[in-house]
């Protein structure tokens, strides 16, 4: 799955870099945010809907994380903050905005890792 995720992210990265080098940093930023929203709104639910639509399978999907709601609310809060920061930067991609986006990203990673500790090993 990691290789698949990297394979779908590399084209997004390349297109964002190309557009940013053309002087369209705003377009690169909207592309990165838009592709993530598409992945969350389509890429995650469609496989679950297909899985649960098959009659021989169970009608529910169990998520193995007790803290998933904290992560969802954190991501929604970060989205609101990013929109506010973009507005305060005059809807322009600035170094300050880039730095804040890195800070938010690493803060989310740290929170996600801490919430899932200690890691459980898969049972075979």
Foldseek 3Di string as FASTA:
>chain_A
DVVVVVVVVVVLVVVLVVCVVVVPNLVNVCSVVVVVVCCVVPVPVPVLVVQLVPVVHPNDDDDPAPCVVVLVVLVVVVVVVLVVVCVVVVVDDDPVSVVVVVVSVVVSVVVVVVRCPPPDDDDD
